[in-house]
PDB file of N, CA and C in Angstrom:
ATOM      1  N   MET A   1      20.513 -23.781 -82.350  1.00  0.00           N
ATOM      2  CA  MET A   1      21.770 -24.244 -81.795  1.00  0.00           C
ATOM      3  C   MET A   1      21.733 -24.207 -80.258  1.00  0.00           C
ATOM      4  N   GLU A   2      21.169 -23.133 -79.710  1.00  0.00           N
ATOM      5  CA  GLU A   2      21.073 -23.016 -78.253  1.00  0.00           C
ATOM      6  C   GLU A   2      20.225 -24.144 -77.672  1.00  0.00           C
ATOM      7  N   LYS A   3      19.226 -24.573 -78.427  1.00  0.00           N
ATOM      8  CA  LYS A   3      18.363 -25.658 -77.987  1.00  0.00           C
ATOM      9  C   LYS A   3      19.166 -26.946 -77.808  1.00  0.00           C
ATOM     10  N   TYR A   4      20.056 -27.266 -78.735  1.00  0.00           N
ATOM     11  CA  TYR A   4      20.870 -28.474 -78.652  1.00  0.00           C
ATOM     12  C   TYR A   4      21.876 -28.404 -77.509  1.00  0.00           C
ATOM     13  N   ILE A   5      22.469 -27.245 -77.321  1.00  0.00           N
ATOM     14  CA  ILE A   5      23.413 -27.061 -76.215  1.00  0.00           C
ATOM     15  C   ILE A   5      22.695 -27.241 -74.883  1.00  0.00           C
ATOM     16  N   SER A   6      21.512 -26.702 -74.787  1.00  0.00           N
ATOM     17  CA  SER A   6      20.715 -26.832 -73.559  1.00  0.00           C
ATOM     18  C   SER A   6      20.352 -28.298 -73.295  1.00  0.00           C
ATOM     19  N   ILE A   7      19.980 -29.037 -74.310  1.00  0.00           N
ATOM     20  CA  ILE A   7      19.626 -30.456 -74.159  1.00  0.00           C
ATOM     21  C   ILE A   7      20.856 -31.261 -73.731  1.00  0.00           C
ATOM     22  N   ILE A   8      21.988 -31.016 -74.357  1.00  0.00           N
ATOM     23  CA  ILE A   8      23.217 -31.738 -74.016  1.00  0.00           C
ATOM     24  C   ILE A   8      23.636 -31.423 -72.582  1.00  0.00           C
ATOM     25  N   ALA A   9      23.582 -30.151 -72.205  1.00  0.00           N
ATOM     26  CA  ALA A   9      23.952 -29.762 -70.836  1.00  0.00           C
ATOM     27  C   ALA A   9      23.006 -30.407 -69.826  1.00  0.00           C
ATOM     28  N   SER A  10      21.726 -30.456 -70.135  1.00  0.00           N
ATOM     29  CA  SER A  10      20.755 -31.088 -69.240  1.00  0.00           C
ATOM     30  C   SER A  10      21.024 -32.572 -69.086  1.00  0.00           C
ATOM     31  N   LEU A  11      21.307 -33.259 -70.186  1.00  0.00           N
ATOM     32  CA  LEU A  11      21.605 -34.688 -70.126  1.00  0.00           C
ATOM     33  C   LEU A  11      22.885 -34.959 -69.330  1.00  0.00           C
ATOM     34  N   LEU A  12      23.895 -34.121 -69.507  1.00  0.00           N
ATOM     35  CA  LEU A  12      25.114 -34.267 -68.722  1.00  0.00           C
ATOM     36  C   LEU A  12      24.851 -34.056 -67.236  1.00  0.00           C
ATOM     37  N   ALA A  13      24.046 -33.066 -66.907  1.00  0.00           N
ATOM     38  CA  ALA A  13      23.706 -32.804 -65.499  1.00  0.00           C
ATOM     39  C   ALA A  13      22.937 -33.977 -64.897  1.00  0.00           C
ATOM     40  N   ILE A  14      21.989 -34.522 -65.631  1.00  0.00           N
ATOM     41  CA  ILE A  14      21.222 -35.682 -65.147  1.00  0.00           C
ATOM     42  C   ILE A  14      22.147 -36.878 -64.959  1.00  0.00           C
ATOM     43  N   GLY A  15      23.031 -37.111 -65.909  1.00  0.00           N
ATOM     44  CA  GLY A  15      23.985 -38.214 -65.793  1.00  0.00           C
ATOM     45  C   GLY A  15      24.885 -38.054 -64.572  1.00  0.00           C
ATOM     46  N   PHE A  16      25.345 -36.837 -64.316  1.00  0.00           N
ATOM     47  CA  PHE A  16      26.181 -36.586 -63.139  1.00  0.00           C
ATOM     48  C   PHE A  16      25.416 -36.849 -61.851  1.00  0.00           C
ATOM     49  N   ILE A  17      24.183 -36.395 -61.781  1.00  0.00           N
ATOM     50  CA  ILE A  17      23.367 -36.602 -60.580  1.00  0.00           C
ATOM     51  C   ILE A  17      23.132 -38.084 -60.347  1.00  0.00           C
ATOM     52  N   VAL A  18      22.803 -38.833 -61.373  1.00  0.00           N
ATOM     53  CA  VAL A  18      22.593 -40.279 -61.236  1.00  0.00           C
ATOM     54  C   VAL A  18      23.883 -40.949 -60.766  1.00  0.00           C
ATOM     55  N   TRP A  19      25.013 -40.602 -61.362  1.00  0.00           N
ATOM     56  CA  TRP A  19      26.296 -41.177 -60.955  1.00  0.00           C
ATOM     57  C   TRP A  19      26.610 -40.833 -59.498  1.00  0.00           C
ATOM     58  N   TRP A  20      26.405 -39.581 -59.108  1.00  0.00           N
ATOM     59  CA  TRP A  20      26.745 -39.120 -57.759  1.00  0.00           C
ATOM     60  C   TRP A  20      25.933 -39.851 -56.688  1.00  0.00           C
ATOM     61  N   PHE A  21      24.638 -39.990 -56.892  1.00  0.00           N
ATOM     62  CA  PHE A  21      23.780 -40.570 -55.868  1.00  0.00           C
ATOM     63  C   PHE A  21      23.643 -42.086 -55.955  1.00  0.00           C
ATOM     64  N   PHE A  22      23.759 -42.655 -57.134  1.00  0.00           N
ATOM     65  CA  PHE A  22      23.490 -44.079 -57.281  1.00  0.00           C
ATOM     66  C   PHE A  22      24.688 -44.904 -57.737  1.00  0.00           C
ATOM     67  N   GLY A  23      25.770 -44.246 -58.106  1.00  0.00           N
ATOM     68  CA  GLY A  23      26.950 -44.968 -58.560  1.00  0.00           C
ATOM     69  C   GLY A  23      27.627 -45.710 -57.420  1.00  0.00           C
ATOM     70  N   LYS A  24      28.169 -46.878 -57.702  1.00  0.00           N
ATOM     71  CA  LYS A  24      28.847 -47.669 -56.682  1.00  0.00           C
ATOM     72  C   LYS A  24      30.227 -47.077 -56.436  1.00  0.00           C
ATOM     73  N   ARG A  25      30.531 -46.882 -55.162  1.00  0.00           N
ATOM     74  CA  ARG A  25      31.830 -46.350 -54.792  1.00  0.00           C
ATOM     75  C   ARG A  25      32.595 -47.440 -54.049  1.00  0.00           C
ATOM     76  N   GLU A  26      33.802 -47.669 -54.466  1.00  0.00           N
ATOM     77  CA  GLU A  26      34.652 -48.636 -53.787  1.00  0.00           C
ATOM     78  C   GLU A  26      35.437 -47.903 -52.712  1.00  0.00           C
ATOM     79  N   ASP A  27      35.296 -48.353 -51.494  1.00  0.00           N
ATOM     80  CA  ASP A  27      36.035 -47.774 -50.384  1.00  0.00           C
ATOM     81  C   ASP A  27      37.228 -48.655 -50.062  1.00  0.00           C
ATOM     82  N   ASP A  28      38.329 -48.030 -49.740  1.00  0.00           N
ATOM     83  CA  ASP A  28      39.466 -48.787 -49.255  1.00  0.00           C
ATOM     84  C   ASP A  28      39.173 -49.150 -47.806  1.00  0.00           C
ATOM     85  N   ALA A  29      39.284 -50.410 -47.490  1.00  0.00           N
ATOM     86  CA  ALA A  29      39.033 -50.868 -46.134  1.00  0.00           C
ATOM     87  C   ALA A  29      40.247 -50.563 -45.273  1.00  0.00           C
ATOM     88  N   LYS A  30      39.983 -50.015 -44.100  1.00  0.00           N
ATOM     89  CA  LYS A  30      41.054 -49.753 -43.146  1.00  0.00           C
ATOM     90  C   LYS A  30      41.239 -50.986 -42.280  1.00  0.00           C
ATOM     91  N   LEU A  31      42.461 -51.491 -42.235  1.00  0.00           N
ATOM     92  CA  LEU A  31      42.777 -52.651 -41.414  1.00  0.00           C
ATOM     93  C   LEU A  31      42.916 -52.215 -39.964  1.00  0.00           C
ATOM     94  N   ALA A  32      42.330 -52.982 -39.067  1.00  0.00           N
ATOM     95  CA  ALA A  32      42.440 -52.699 -37.639  1.00  0.00           C
ATOM     96  C   ALA A  32      43.847 -53.021 -37.163  1.00  0.00           C
ATOM     97  N   GLU A  33      44.312 -52.282 -36.165  1.00  0.00           N
ATOM     98  CA  GLU A  33      45.616 -52.524 -35.567  1.00  0.00           C
ATOM     99  C   GLU A  33      45.462 -53.478 -34.393  1.00  0.00           C
ATOM    100  N   ASP A  34      46.444 -54.345 -34.211  1.00  0.00           N
ATOM    101  CA  ASP A  34      46.436 -55.263 -33.079  1.00  0.00           C
ATOM    102  C   ASP A  34      47.062 -54.545 -31.883  1.00  0.00           C
ATOM    103  N   VAL A  35      46.251 -54.301 -30.862  1.00  0.00           N
ATOM    104  CA  VAL A  35      46.719 -53.637 -29.648  1.00  0.00           C
ATOM    105  C   VAL A  35      46.465 -54.581 -28.478  1.00  0.00           C
ATOM    106  N   GLY A  36      47.501 -55.283 -28.054  1.00  0.00           N
ATOM    107  CA  GLY A  36      47.373 -56.193 -26.930  1.00  0.00           C
ATOM    108  C   GLY A  36      46.394 -57.327 -27.159  1.00  0.00           C
ATOM    109  N   GLY A  37      46.382 -57.880 -28.367  1.00  0.00           N
ATOM    110  CA  GLY A  37      45.491 -58.993 -28.679  1.00  0.00           C
ATOM    111  C   GLY A  37      44.077 -58.592 -29.028  1.00  0.00           C
ATOM    112  N   VAL A  38      43.822 -57.287 -29.136  1.00  0.00           N
ATOM    113  CA  VAL A  38      42.499 -56.786 -29.517  1.00  0.00           C
ATOM    114  C   VAL A  38      42.667 -55.936 -30.774  1.00  0.00           C
ATOM    115  N   GLN A  39      41.871 -56.229 -31.780  1.00  0.00           N
ATOM    116  CA  GLN A  39      41.882 -55.418 -32.998  1.00  0.00           C
ATOM    117  C   GLN A  39      41.226 -54.079 -32.675  1.00  0.00           C
ATOM    118  N   THR A  40      41.901 -52.986 -33.008  1.00  0.00           N
ATOM    119  CA  THR A  40      41.375 -51.670 -32.674  1.00  0.00           C
ATOM    120  C   THR A  40      41.407 -50.780 -33.908  1.00  0.00           C
ATOM    121  N   VAL A  41      40.314 -50.059 -34.116  1.00  0.00           N
ATOM    122  CA  VAL A  41      40.253 -49.108 -35.224  1.00  0.00           C
ATOM    123  C   VAL A  41      39.400 -47.919 -34.792  1.00  0.00           C
ATOM    124  N   GLU A  42      39.850 -46.721 -35.155  1.00  0.00           N
ATOM    125  CA  GLU A  42      39.097 -45.510 -34.845  1.00  0.00           C
ATOM    126  C   GLU A  42      38.299 -45.082 -36.068  1.00  0.00           C
ATOM    127  N   ILE A  43      37.039 -44.733 -35.829  1.00  0.00           N
ATOM    128  CA  ILE A  43      36.144 -44.295 -36.894  1.00  0.00           C
ATOM    129  C   ILE A  43      35.701 -42.872 -36.564  1.00  0.00           C
ATOM    130  N   MET A  44      36.058 -41.931 -37.417  1.00  0.00           N
ATOM    131  CA  MET A  44      35.667 -40.539 -37.244  1.00  0.00           C
ATOM    132  C   MET A  44      34.219 -40.376 -37.679  1.00  0.00           C
ATOM    133  N   VAL A  45      33.427 -39.710 -36.846  1.00  0.00           N
ATOM    134  CA  VAL A  45      32.017 -39.461 -37.150  1.00  0.00           C
ATOM    135  C   VAL A  45      31.884 -37.966 -37.394  1.00  0.00           C
ATOM    136  N   ASP A  46      31.908 -37.585 -38.668  1.00  0.00           N
ATOM    137  CA  ASP A  46      31.866 -36.170 -39.040  1.00  0.00           C
ATOM    138  C   ASP A  46      31.299 -36.064 -40.451  1.00  0.00           C
ATOM    139  N   GLY A  47      29.994 -35.846 -40.546  1.00  0.00           N
ATOM    140  CA  GLY A  47      29.345 -35.810 -41.855  1.00  0.00           C
ATOM    141  C   GLY A  47      29.218 -37.198 -42.456  1.00  0.00           C
ATOM    142  N   GLY A  48      29.327 -38.208 -41.649  1.00  0.00           N
ATOM    143  CA  GLY A  48      29.317 -39.610 -42.059  1.00  0.00           C
ATOM    144  C   GLY A  48      30.374 -40.346 -41.259  1.00  0.00           C
ATOM    145  N   TYR A  49      30.803 -41.487 -41.754  1.00  0.00           N
ATOM    146  CA  TYR A  49      31.800 -42.296 -41.071  1.00  0.00           C
ATOM    147  C   TYR A  49      33.060 -42.391 -41.921  1.00  0.00           C
ATOM    148  N   LEU A  50      34.206 -42.194 -41.298  1.00  0.00           N
ATOM    149  CA  LEU A  50      35.472 -42.275 -41.998  1.00  0.00           C
ATOM    150  C   LEU A  50      36.454 -43.061 -41.155  1.00  0.00           C
ATOM    151  N   PRO A  51      36.927 -44.192 -41.561  1.00  0.00           N
ATOM    152  CA  PRO A  51      36.641 -44.836 -42.832  1.00  0.00           C
ATOM    153  C   PRO A  51      35.252 -45.458 -42.837  1.00  0.00           C
ATOM    154  N   ARG A  52      34.711 -45.627 -44.023  1.00  0.00           N
ATOM    155  CA  ARG A  52      33.389 -46.252 -44.144  1.00  0.00           C
ATOM    156  C   ARG A  52      33.483 -47.769 -44.072  1.00  0.00           C
ATOM    157  N   THR A  53      34.650 -48.306 -44.388  1.00  0.00           N
ATOM    158  CA  THR A  53      34.839 -49.750 -44.362  1.00  0.00           C
ATOM    159  C   THR A  53      36.024 -50.092 -43.476  1.00  0.00           C
ATOM    160  N   VAL A  54      35.789 -51.020 -42.542  1.00  0.00           N
ATOM    161  CA  VAL A  54      36.803 -51.472 -41.600  1.00  0.00           C
ATOM    162  C   VAL A  54      36.989 -52.971 -41.806  1.00  0.00           C
ATOM    163  N   GLN A  55      38.240 -53.420 -41.846  1.00  0.00           N
ATOM    164  CA  GLN A  55      38.501 -54.847 -42.033  1.00  0.00           C
ATOM    165  C   GLN A  55      39.068 -55.451 -40.747  1.00  0.00           C
ATOM    166  N   LEU A  56      38.448 -56.562 -40.311  1.00  0.00           N
ATOM    167  CA  LEU A  56      38.855 -57.270 -39.103  1.00  0.00           C
ATOM    168  C   LEU A  56      39.158 -58.724 -39.427  1.00  0.00           C
ATOM    169  N   LYS A  57      39.869 -59.384 -38.503  1.00  0.00           N
ATOM    170  CA  LYS A  57      40.133 -60.813 -38.616  1.00  0.00           C
ATOM    171  C   LYS A  57      39.095 -61.561 -37.799  1.00  0.00           C
ATOM    172  N   ALA A  58      38.590 -62.646 -38.348  1.00  0.00           N
ATOM    173  CA  ALA A  58      37.599 -63.455 -37.642  1.00  0.00           C
ATOM    174  C   ALA A  58      38.234 -64.119 -36.423  1.00  0.00           C
ATOM    175  N   GLY A  59      37.446 -64.205 -35.347  1.00  0.00           N
ATOM    176  CA  GLY A  59      37.885 -64.910 -34.152  1.00  0.00           C
ATOM    177  C   GLY A  59      38.759 -64.110 -33.206  1.00  0.00           C
ATOM    178  N   VAL A  60      39.040 -62.850 -33.517  1.00  0.00           N
ATOM    179  CA  VAL A  60      39.863 -61.991 -32.663  1.00  0.00           C
ATOM    180  C   VAL A  60      38.982 -60.851 -32.152  1.00  0.00           C
ATOM    181  N   PRO A  61      38.925 -60.639 -30.825  1.00  0.00           N
ATOM    182  CA  PRO A  61      38.100 -59.546 -30.299  1.00  0.00           C
ATOM    183  C   PRO A  61      38.488 -58.212 -30.951  1.00  0.00           C
ATOM    184  N   ALA A  62      37.494 -57.341 -31.113  1.00  0.00           N
ATOM    185  CA  ALA A  62      37.739 -56.062 -31.785  1.00  0.00           C
ATOM    186  C   ALA A  62      37.112 -54.921 -31.009  1.00  0.00           C
ATOM    187  N   LYS A  63      37.756 -53.777 -31.109  1.00  0.00           N
ATOM    188  CA  LYS A  63      37.254 -52.570 -30.476  1.00  0.00           C
ATOM    189  C   LYS A  63      37.108 -51.499 -31.554  1.00  0.00           C
ATOM    190  N   LEU A  64      35.872 -51.043 -31.763  1.00  0.00           N
ATOM    191  CA  LEU A  64      35.598 -49.941 -32.678  1.00  0.00           C
ATOM    192  C   LEU A  64      35.497 -48.683 -31.836  1.00  0.00           C
ATOM    193  N   VAL A  65      36.323 -47.699 -32.137  1.00  0.00           N
ATOM    194  CA  VAL A  65      36.338 -46.449 -31.367  1.00  0.00           C
ATOM    195  C   VAL A  65      35.729 -45.357 -32.246  1.00  0.00           C
ATOM    196  N   PHE A  66      34.495 -44.962 -31.911  1.00  0.00           N
ATOM    197  CA  PHE A  66      33.798 -43.925 -32.666  1.00  0.00           C
ATOM    198  C   PHE A  66      34.121 -42.575 -32.051  1.00  0.00           C
ATOM    199  N   ASN A  67      34.630 -41.650 -32.870  1.00  0.00           N
ATOM    200  CA  ASN A  67      35.011 -40.312 -32.429  1.00  0.00           C
ATOM    201  C   ASN A  67      34.062 -39.312 -33.078  1.00  0.00           C
ATOM    202  N   ARG A  68      33.006 -38.940 -32.367  1.00  0.00           N
ATOM    203  CA  ARG A  68      31.970 -38.065 -32.939  1.00  0.00           C
ATOM    204  C   ARG A  68      32.355 -36.601 -32.839  1.00  0.00           C
ATOM    205  N   GLN A  69      32.457 -35.959 -34.008  1.00  0.00           N
ATOM    206  CA  GLN A  69      32.764 -34.535 -34.100  1.00  0.00           C
ATOM    207  C   GLN A  69      31.618 -33.732 -34.716  1.00  0.00           C
ATOM    208  N   ASP A  70      30.632 -34.412 -35.272  1.00  0.00           N
ATOM    209  CA  ASP A  70      29.510 -33.774 -35.962  1.00  0.00           C
ATOM    210  C   ASP A  70      28.352 -33.565 -34.987  1.00  0.00           C
ATOM    211  N   PRO A  71      27.857 -32.326 -34.840  1.00  0.00           N
ATOM    212  CA  PRO A  71      26.769 -32.066 -33.897  1.00  0.00           C
ATOM    213  C   PRO A  71      25.385 -32.502 -34.389  1.00  0.00           C
ATOM    214  N   SER A  72      25.300 -33.015 -35.611  1.00  0.00           N
ATOM    215  CA  SER A  72      24.022 -33.436 -36.174  1.00  0.00           C
ATOM    216  C   SER A  72      23.361 -34.488 -35.289  1.00  0.00           C
ATOM    217  N   GLY A  73      22.063 -34.318 -35.038  1.00  0.00           N
ATOM    218  CA  GLY A  73      21.316 -35.275 -34.236  1.00  0.00           C
ATOM    219  C   GLY A  73      21.259 -36.653 -34.856  1.00  0.00           C
ATOM    220  N   CYS A  74      21.356 -36.735 -36.153  1.00  0.00           N
ATOM    221  CA  CYS A  74      21.318 -38.029 -36.841  1.00  0.00           C
ATOM    222  C   CYS A  74      22.494 -38.902 -36.437  1.00  0.00           C
ATOM    223  N   LEU A  75      23.642 -38.285 -36.205  1.00  0.00           N
ATOM    224  CA  LEU A  75      24.855 -39.043 -35.918  1.00  0.00           C
ATOM    225  C   LEU A  75      25.119 -39.226 -34.424  1.00  0.00           C
ATOM    226  N   ASP A  76      24.116 -38.955 -33.591  1.00  0.00           N
ATOM    227  CA  ASP A  76      24.337 -39.102 -32.148  1.00  0.00           C
ATOM    228  C   ASP A  76      24.159 -40.536 -31.661  1.00  0.00           C
ATOM    229  N   GLU A  77      23.829 -41.448 -32.569  1.00  0.00           N
ATOM    230  CA  GLU A  77      23.663 -42.850 -32.214  1.00  0.00           C
ATOM    231  C   GLU A  77      24.238 -43.712 -33.332  1.00  0.00           C
ATOM    232  N   VAL A  78      24.825 -44.849 -32.955  1.00  0.00           N
ATOM    233  CA  VAL A  78      25.307 -45.804 -33.945  1.00  0.00           C
ATOM    234  C   VAL A  78      24.639 -47.144 -33.665  1.00  0.00           C
ATOM    235  N   LEU A  79      24.236 -47.807 -34.748  1.00  0.00           N
ATOM    236  CA  LEU A  79      23.573 -49.106 -34.652  1.00  0.00           C
ATOM    237  C   LEU A  79      24.430 -50.152 -35.355  1.00  0.00           C
ATOM    238  N   LEU A  80      24.657 -51.271 -34.672  1.00  0.00           N
ATOM    239  CA  LEU A  80      25.322 -52.429 -35.263  1.00  0.00           C
ATOM    240  C   LEU A  80      24.360 -53.595 -35.089  1.00  0.00           C
ATOM    241  N   PRO A  81      23.347 -53.692 -35.952  1.00  0.00           N
ATOM    242  CA  PRO A  81      22.272 -54.662 -35.750  1.00  0.00           C
ATOM    243  C   PRO A  81      22.722 -56.117 -35.724  1.00  0.00           C
ATOM    244  N   ASP A  82      23.747 -56.468 -36.496  1.00  0.00           N
ATOM    245  CA  ASP A  82      24.216 -57.853 -36.514  1.00  0.00           C
ATOM    246  C   ASP A  82      24.859 -58.270 -35.199  1.00  0.00           C
ATOM    247  N   PHE A  83      25.272 -57.286 -34.399  1.00  0.00           N
ATOM    248  CA  PHE A  83      25.876 -57.563 -33.106  1.00  0.00           C
ATOM    249  C   PHE A  83      24.945 -57.182 -31.957  1.00  0.00           C
ATOM    250  N   GLY A  84      23.720 -56.735 -32.289  1.00  0.00           N
ATOM    251  CA  GLY A  84      22.742 -56.364 -31.274  1.00  0.00           C
ATOM    252  C   GLY A  84      23.154 -55.144 -30.465  1.00  0.00           C
ATOM    253  N   ILE A  85      23.816 -54.188 -31.116  1.00  0.00           N
ATOM    254  CA  ILE A  85      24.342 -53.020 -30.398  1.00  0.00           C
ATOM    255  C   ILE A  85      23.691 -51.740 -30.894  1.00  0.00           C
ATOM    256  N   SER A  86      23.282 -50.912 -29.948  1.00  0.00           N
ATOM    257  CA  SER A  86      22.811 -49.555 -30.189  1.00  0.00           C
ATOM    258  C   SER A  86      23.481 -48.687 -29.130  1.00  0.00           C
ATOM    259  N   ARG A  87      24.260 -47.700 -29.558  1.00  0.00           N
ATOM    260  CA  ARG A  87      25.019 -46.916 -28.596  1.00  0.00           C
ATOM    261  C   ARG A  87      24.944 -45.433 -28.937  1.00  0.00           C
ATOM    262  N   MET A  88      24.757 -44.604 -27.921  1.00  0.00           N
ATOM    263  CA  MET A  88      24.788 -43.156 -28.089  1.00  0.00           C
ATOM    264  C   MET A  88      26.240 -42.706 -28.203  1.00  0.00           C
ATOM    265  N   LEU A  89      26.483 -41.704 -29.043  1.00  0.00           N
ATOM    266  CA  LEU A  89      27.829 -41.177 -29.258  1.00  0.00           C
ATOM    267  C   LEU A  89      27.867 -39.724 -28.791  1.00  0.00           C
ATOM    268  N   PRO A  90      28.393 -39.463 -27.598  1.00  0.00           N
ATOM    269  CA  PRO A  90      28.473 -38.081 -27.117  1.00  0.00           C
ATOM    270  C   PRO A  90      29.378 -37.232 -28.008  1.00  0.00           C
ATOM    271  N   LEU A  91      28.967 -36.002 -28.245  1.00  0.00           N
ATOM    272  CA  LEU A  91      29.714 -35.076 -29.094  1.00  0.00           C
ATOM    273  C   LEU A  91      31.078 -34.783 -28.482  1.00  0.00           C
ATOM    274  N   GLY A  92      32.123 -34.871 -29.307  1.00  0.00           N
ATOM    275  CA  GLY A  92      33.480 -34.542 -28.885  1.00  0.00           C
ATOM    276  C   GLY A  92      34.146 -35.609 -28.043  1.00  0.00           C
ATOM    277  N   GLU A  93      33.545 -36.773 -27.961  1.00  0.00           N
ATOM    278  CA  GLU A  93      34.120 -37.849 -27.153  1.00  0.00           C
ATOM    279  C   GLU A  93      34.317 -39.106 -27.995  1.00  0.00           C
ATOM    280  N   LYS A  94      35.241 -39.938 -27.530  1.00  0.00           N
ATOM    281  CA  LYS A  94      35.462 -41.228 -28.164  1.00  0.00           C
ATOM    282  C   LYS A  94      34.642 -42.272 -27.410  1.00  0.00           C
ATOM    283  N   THR A  95      33.926 -43.095 -28.161  1.00  0.00           N
ATOM    284  CA  THR A  95      33.105 -44.153 -27.588  1.00  0.00           C
ATOM    285  C   THR A  95      33.614 -45.493 -28.102  1.00  0.00           C
ATOM    286  N   GLU A  96      34.007 -46.358 -27.167  1.00  0.00           N
ATOM    287  CA  GLU A  96      34.528 -47.667 -27.539  1.00  0.00           C
ATOM    288  C   GLU A  96      33.406 -48.703 -27.539  1.00  0.00           C
ATOM    289  N   ILE A  97      33.346 -49.459 -28.615  1.00  0.00           N
ATOM    290  CA  ILE A  97      32.379 -50.556 -28.729  1.00  0.00           C
ATOM    291  C   ILE A  97      33.167 -51.820 -29.014  1.00  0.00           C
ATOM    292  N   THR A  98      33.029 -52.794 -28.125  1.00  0.00           N
ATOM    293  CA  THR A  98      33.740 -54.062 -28.285  1.00  0.00           C
ATOM    294  C   THR A  98      32.815 -55.083 -28.929  1.00  0.00           C
ATOM    295  N   ILE A  99      33.335 -55.745 -29.958  1.00  0.00           N
ATOM    296  CA  ILE A  99      32.584 -56.803 -30.636  1.00  0.00           C
ATOM    297  C   ILE A  99      33.475 -58.025 -30.761  1.00  0.00           C
ATOM    298  N   ASN A 100      32.857 -59.164 -30.988  1.00  0.00           N
ATOM    299  CA  ASN A 100      33.599 -60.395 -31.229  1.00  0.00           C
ATOM    300  C   ASN A 100      33.203 -60.924 -32.600  1.00  0.00           C
ATOM    301  N   PRO A 101      33.985 -60.561 -33.625  1.00  0.00           N
ATOM    302  CA  PRO A 101      33.661 -61.012 -34.981  1.00  0.00           C
ATOM    303  C   PRO A 101      34.041 -62.483 -35.172  1.00  0.00           C
ATOM    304  N   SER A 102      33.140 -63.353 -34.815  1.00  0.00           N
ATOM    305  CA  SER A 102      33.448 -64.779 -34.809  1.00  0.00           C
ATOM    306  C   SER A 102      33.377 -65.433 -36.190  1.00  0.00           C
ATOM    307  N   ARG A 103      32.664 -64.801 -37.125  1.00  0.00           N
ATOM    308  CA  ARG A 103      32.543 -65.413 -38.450  1.00  0.00           C
ATOM    309  C   ARG A 103      32.794 -64.374 -39.535  1.00  0.00           C
ATOM    310  N   ALA A 104      33.242 -64.866 -40.681  1.00  0.00           N
ATOM    311  CA  ALA A 104      33.519 -63.985 -41.815  1.00  0.00           C
ATOM    312  C   ALA A 104      32.216 -63.444 -42.390  1.00  0.00           C
ATOM    313  N   GLY A 105      32.308 -62.257 -42.979  1.00  0.00           N
ATOM    314  CA  GLY A 105      31.145 -61.651 -43.617  1.00  0.00           C
ATOM    315  C   GLY A 105      31.238 -60.139 -43.599  1.00  0.00           C
ATOM    316  N   GLU A 106      30.181 -59.500 -44.096  1.00  0.00           N
ATOM    317  CA  GLU A 106      30.081 -58.039 -44.087  1.00  0.00           C
ATOM    318  C   GLU A 106      28.939 -57.659 -43.167  1.00  0.00           C
ATOM    319  N   PHE A 107      29.214 -56.733 -42.257  1.00  0.00           N
ATOM    320  CA  PHE A 107      28.242 -56.321 -41.254  1.00  0.00           C
ATOM    321  C   PHE A 107      28.111 -54.803 -41.293  1.00  0.00           C
ATOM    322  N   LYS A 108      26.904 -54.333 -41.524  1.00  0.00           N
ATOM    323  CA  LYS A 108      26.637 -52.913 -41.688  1.00  0.00           C
ATOM    324  C   LYS A 108      26.472 -52.231 -40.333  1.00  0.00           C
ATOM    325  N   TYR A 109      26.928 -50.981 -40.252  1.00  0.00           N
ATOM    326  CA  TYR A 109      26.597 -50.125 -39.119  1.00  0.00           C
ATOM    327  C   TYR A 109      26.029 -48.830 -39.672  1.00  0.00           C
ATOM    328  N   THR A 110      25.086 -48.231 -38.925  1.00  0.00           N
ATOM    329  CA  THR A 110      24.405 -47.034 -39.409  1.00  0.00           C
ATOM    330  C   THR A 110      24.212 -46.038 -38.279  1.00  0.00           C
ATOM    331  N   CYS A 111      23.839 -44.828 -38.674  1.00  0.00           N
ATOM    332  CA  CYS A 111      23.426 -43.844 -37.682  1.00  0.00           C
ATOM    333  C   CYS A 111      22.019 -44.223 -37.216  1.00  0.00           C
ATOM    334  N   GLY A 112      21.523 -43.540 -36.211  1.00  0.00           N
ATOM    335  CA  GLY A 112      20.211 -43.850 -35.661  1.00  0.00           C
ATOM    336  C   GLY A 112      19.085 -43.749 -36.671  1.00  0.00           C
ATOM    337  N   MET A 113      19.205 -42.837 -37.632  1.00  0.00           N
ATOM    338  CA  MET A 113      18.165 -42.659 -38.647  1.00  0.00           C
ATOM    339  C   MET A 113      18.425 -43.511 -39.883  1.00  0.00           C
ATOM    340  N   GLN A 114      19.526 -44.234 -39.883  1.00  0.00           N
ATOM    341  CA  GLN A 114      19.954 -45.097 -40.985  1.00  0.00           C
ATOM    342  C   GLN A 114      20.176 -44.330 -42.285  1.00  0.00           C
ATOM    343  N   MET A 115      20.607 -43.080 -42.158  1.00  0.00           N
ATOM    344  CA  MET A 115      20.928 -42.267 -43.331  1.00  0.00           C
ATOM    345  C   MET A 115      22.406 -42.395 -43.707  1.00  0.00           C
ATOM    346  N   PHE A 116      23.276 -42.569 -42.716  1.00  0.00           N
ATOM    347  CA  PHE A 116      24.702 -42.732 -42.940  1.00  0.00           C
ATOM    348  C   PHE A 116      25.074 -44.148 -42.536  1.00  0.00           C
ATOM    349  N   SER A 117      25.982 -44.747 -43.284  1.00  0.00           N
ATOM    350  CA  SER A 117      26.343 -46.122 -42.962  1.00  0.00           C
ATOM    351  C   SER A 117      27.800 -46.407 -43.274  1.00  0.00           C
ATOM    352  N   GLY A 118      28.243 -47.516 -42.739  1.00  0.00           N
ATOM    353  CA  GLY A 118      29.568 -48.044 -42.996  1.00  0.00           C
ATOM    354  C   GLY A 118      29.469 -49.545 -42.864  1.00  0.00           C
ATOM    355  N   LYS A 119      30.598 -50.234 -43.014  1.00  0.00           N
ATOM    356  CA  LYS A 119      30.541 -51.676 -42.854  1.00  0.00           C
ATOM    357  C   LYS A 119      31.830 -52.215 -42.258  1.00  0.00           C
ATOM    358  N   VAL A 120      31.663 -53.329 -41.559  1.00  0.00           N
ATOM    359  CA  VAL A 120      32.771 -54.076 -40.996  1.00  0.00           C
ATOM    360  C   VAL A 120      32.890 -55.336 -41.851  1.00  0.00           C
ATOM    361  N   VAL A 121      34.055 -55.521 -42.435  1.00  0.00           N
ATOM    362  CA  VAL A 121      34.341 -56.707 -43.238  1.00  0.00           C
ATOM    363  C   VAL A 121      35.216 -57.616 -42.403  1.00  0.00           C
ATOM    364  N   VAL A 122      34.732 -58.820 -42.143  1.00  0.00           N
ATOM    365  CA  VAL A 122      35.481 -59.786 -41.342  1.00  0.00           C
ATOM    366  C   VAL A 122      35.978 -60.888 -42.282  1.00  0.00           C
ATOM    367  N   LYS A 123      37.291 -61.122 -42.250  1.00  0.00           N
ATOM    368  CA  LYS A 123      37.904 -62.155 -43.103  1.00  0.00           C
ATOM    369  C   LYS A 123      38.608 -63.182 -42.252  1.00  0.00           C
TER     370      LYS A 123
END
């Protein structure tokens, strides 16, 4: 009997691990606020990016404000390859990055090591 309980517990643990690391997670996209004709959204950098998904309107200039609170070296840089941007994020400071989302689509941003990521959804 103990053998069957052990097998079931092991299968449940494996299933949980697969779900945790490989399961698709739907993030609620945070809509940028219009501040003087510029879309603005703040992204907290603390153990990853929060929110992970930001929604912008196409054709309206946008300002992404990264607020780095995590001392991890991995998160000291943010890359927005689709916009040709690589920027250092000083600890405890807000860093503004201006982009012009001219076309609709999904654009990924990552930390310097590409371990943490988020995306900008332009509609």
